[in-house]
Amino acid sequence: MRRHQLRNPEQSHRERILVNYTNAAFIVKNDFKLPADTDGVFSGFDAGKQSYDRSTWNYAAAGGAQPSAGAPGALPPLPEKVDYDLTLRNPNCVFQLLKKHYSRYTPEMVERITGIPKEQFLKPPNSIRRFAKTAT
C-alpha cells in the first residue's frame, strides 16, 4: 500500500497532505542534533574546518539498514527505504524537529532582534487566521 493511500478519519485535510505529500513523517537519524541541543550549531559541525559532516542529517533507514557510503565530501546517499511515522509524534520525525527548531522564534524574540513591535508582527498571521475561519 502506498503512503498516499493511507487514510485516517481522525486527520484533517491539512494533516493528510502533510503526512502523505511532504517529508514531515520521515524519521531523521538519532544522532542528528538541533542548535538548541548543542553549542548553537547543528550536529556534525567541525570548528577547525568551519564545515559540517552532514552524515547525521540523513533519514533513518527502515529496518535499520544503512545506505552505502558515497564519495568523500559528497552528501550521504539516502537510504533505500526511509523509516517514517504517520502519526507525526516521533521526536525525530521531520515535523517534530521543525516544530522544536522554530519554537524559539517567538514574537518577543522577533521584536527584540528586529525592532518590529510584537503587535505589528502579529497582524499578518492574525488576518490570515480570520480569513481562513470565514472561508471555511
Protein backbone atom coordinates (compact mmCIF):
# COMPACT_ATOMS: atom_id res chain seq x y z
CA MET A 1 0.00 0.00 0.00
CA ARG A 2 1.35 3.42 -0.87
CA ARG A 3 1.61 6.10 1.79
CA HIS A 4 -0.76 8.44 -0.02
CA GLN A 5 -3.43 5.75 0.03
CA LEU A 6 -3.46 5.58 3.82
CA ARG A 7 -6.46 7.35 5.32
CA ASN A 8 -7.20 8.14 8.91
CA PRO A 9 -10.61 9.66 9.65
CA GLU A 10 -9.10 11.48 12.65
CA GLN A 11 -6.77 13.50 10.42
CA SER A 12 -7.77 16.83 8.93
CA HIS A 13 -7.28 17.57 5.25
CA ARG A 14 -4.13 19.58 6.09
CA GLU A 15 -2.69 16.72 8.16
CA ARG A 16 -3.30 14.23 5.33
CA ILE A 17 -1.45 16.49 2.89
CA LEU A 18 1.39 17.00 5.37
CA VAL A 19 1.77 13.27 6.04
CA ASN A 20 1.28 11.98 2.51
CA TYR A 21 2.88 14.62 0.29
CA THR A 22 5.84 16.00 2.26
CA ASN A 23 8.78 14.55 4.18
CA ALA A 24 7.19 15.56 7.53
CA ALA A 25 6.70 11.91 8.60
CA PHE A 26 10.25 10.82 7.70
CA ILE A 27 12.46 9.92 10.65
CA VAL A 28 15.88 11.57 10.90
CA LYS A 29 18.82 9.60 12.33
CA ASN A 30 19.02 9.59 16.14
CA ASP A 31 22.43 11.27 16.22
CA PHE A 32 21.09 14.43 14.48
CA LYS A 33 21.05 17.40 16.86
CA LEU A 34 19.50 20.85 16.53
CA PRO A 35 21.38 24.01 17.56
CA ALA A 36 19.36 24.14 20.81
CA ASP A 37 20.79 20.70 21.69
CA THR A 38 24.41 21.65 21.01
CA ASP A 39 26.50 24.80 21.25
CA GLY A 40 24.25 26.69 18.85
CA VAL A 41 25.12 24.72 15.72
CA PHE A 42 23.64 21.66 14.03
CA SER A 43 25.25 18.28 14.65
CA GLY A 44 28.34 17.45 12.65
CA PHE A 45 29.99 20.87 12.85
CA ASP A 46 33.79 20.80 12.74
CA ALA A 47 35.04 24.09 14.20
CA GLY A 48 38.56 23.54 12.84
CA LYS A 49 37.36 23.12 9.26
CA GLN A 50 34.41 25.51 9.67
CA SER A 51 32.22 22.98 7.88
CA TYR A 52 29.70 20.26 8.59
CA ASP A 53 29.84 16.50 8.34
CA ARG A 54 26.25 16.04 7.19
CA SER A 55 26.08 12.28 7.73
CA THR A 56 23.97 12.77 10.89
CA TRP A 57 21.43 14.77 8.89
CA ASN A 58 20.23 11.78 6.89
CA TYR A 59 16.95 9.93 7.26
CA ALA A 60 16.82 6.76 9.34
CA ALA A 61 16.66 3.64 7.22
CA ALA A 62 13.65 1.38 7.64
CA GLY A 63 14.63 -1.84 9.37
CA GLY A 64 17.96 -0.35 10.48
CA ALA A 65 19.63 -0.88 7.07
CA GLN A 66 22.40 1.60 6.29
CA PRO A 67 22.94 3.16 2.85
CA SER A 68 26.26 2.55 1.17
CA ALA A 69 28.88 5.27 1.59
CA GLY A 70 29.03 7.97 -1.05
CA ALA A 71 32.02 9.79 -2.47
CA PRO A 72 34.19 11.67 0.06
CA GLY A 73 32.83 15.16 0.69
CA ALA A 74 29.54 14.40 -1.05
CA LEU A 75 26.17 14.36 0.63
CA PRO A 76 25.46 10.97 2.19
CA PRO A 77 23.18 8.84 0.00
CA LEU A 78 19.58 8.45 1.06
CA PRO A 79 18.54 5.08 2.47
CA GLU A 80 16.73 2.83 0.02
CA LYS A 81 13.70 2.75 2.35
CA VAL A 82 13.17 5.58 4.81
CA ASP A 83 11.64 4.98 8.23
CA TYR A 84 8.54 7.10 8.89
CA ASP A 85 5.88 7.87 11.48
CA LEU A 86 2.44 8.67 10.05
CA THR A 87 1.28 9.96 13.45
CA LEU A 88 3.98 12.68 13.37
CA ARG A 89 4.66 12.01 17.06
CA ASN A 90 8.16 10.54 16.83
CA PRO A 91 10.53 13.18 18.26
CA ASN A 92 12.92 12.58 15.34
CA CYS A 93 10.38 12.93 12.54
CA VAL A 94 10.94 15.98 10.35
CA PHE A 95 7.70 17.58 11.59
CA GLN A 96 8.68 17.39 15.28
CA LEU A 97 12.24 18.57 14.59
CA LEU A 98 10.94 21.60 12.68
CA LYS A 99 8.44 22.39 15.44
CA LYS A 100 11.22 22.23 18.02
CA HIS A 101 13.64 24.29 15.94
CA TYR A 102 11.19 27.09 15.15
CA SER A 103 9.55 27.21 18.59
CA ARG A 104 12.25 29.58 19.80
CA TYR A 105 11.24 32.21 17.24
CA THR A 106 8.57 33.90 19.32
CA PRO A 107 7.02 37.31 18.57
CA GLU A 108 9.01 38.65 21.52
CA MET A 109 12.28 37.39 20.01
CA VAL A 110 11.40 38.96 16.64
CA GLU A 111 10.69 42.26 18.39
CA ARG A 112 13.96 42.11 20.33
CA ILE A 113 16.07 41.29 17.25
CA THR A 114 14.36 43.35 14.55
CA GLY A 115 12.69 46.14 16.49
CA ILE A 116 9.32 45.38 14.84
CA PRO A 117 6.67 45.71 17.57
CA LYS A 118 5.04 42.41 18.51
CA GLU A 119 1.56 43.71 17.61
CA GLN A 120 2.70 44.73 14.12
CA PHE A 121 4.47 41.39 13.60
CA LEU A 122 1.28 39.50 14.53
CA LYS A 123 -1.02 41.43 12.15
CA PRO A 124 -0.49 39.26 9.01
CA PRO A 125 -0.91 35.86 10.76
CA ASN A 126 -4.00 37.08 12.63
CA SER A 127 -5.53 38.42 9.39
CA ILE A 128 -4.87 35.11 7.65
CA ARG A 129 -6.44 33.20 10.55
CA ARG A 130 -9.56 35.37 10.46
CA PHE A 131 -9.84 34.95 6.67
CA ALA A 132 -9.37 31.17 6.92
CA LYS A 133 -12.16 30.91 9.52
CA THR A 134 -14.60 32.87 7.33
CA ALA A 135 -13.61 30.91 4.20
CA THR A 136 -14.41 27.50 5.69
